[in-house]
Amino acid sequence: MKTLVKKGLTVLLPSLLCWNVALAEPFTLSSTDIEHGEFMKSAHEFQGFGCVGDNMSPQLSWSGAPEGTAAFAITVYDPDAPTGSGWWHWQLVNIPKNVTSLPAGAGDLSKKLTSKGGLHISNDYGFAGFGGACPPPGHGAYRYQFTIHALSKKLELPENASGALTGYMINGHSLGTSTIEALYKR
């Protein structure tokens, strides 16, 4: 009888574990302002460098964070920028683990819409906060990858950290990600 119970548990336990994992909510990023594969509105275009948008970061929400999440990071990256290394539009790290959304405009530090503890890293425009889309005119659609990162710990970064250092630290402590890839052209 003991052998039969052991064999039954050996077969049943992995099935139960897989069933539990299958029921886990996926880590998902969503927005009321942008959609995956769709063009962004001019409200999310940069203001400067010949661009005349409102430079407003979109509303973002996330759910289903992996177990062990200690903080979040938001990154916005343009892999199509003609720089040879892409373009960082926004890096916000150490968002508290109890925060699950950011309102539109949270990338503007003067509005004070981000949670205490969050650290805005300088973007490739040279200032901390959100810098909107500004592809060269006539170059076609560029991709803008809005990604939420679940982090295993808060990151220890200097306020003047580079985009590369920030990305390295985010990726080194990432438990999971979810991305919305929006488009923009001029």
Foldseek 3Di string as FASTA:
>chain_A
DVVVVVVVCVVVVVVVVVVVVVPQDDKAKDFPQFFFPAAGDLCQAFPDPPRNHVVKATKMFIDRFDPLFAAKKKWKWWCPAPPVRTWTFWIKFRQGPVDGIFHIRCQPVVVVRGDPRIAFAATPVGRGGGGGDDHDAPPDKIKIKIKMFRFNHGDDDDNHDDPVVSVVRRVVGGPDMYIGIHIYHD
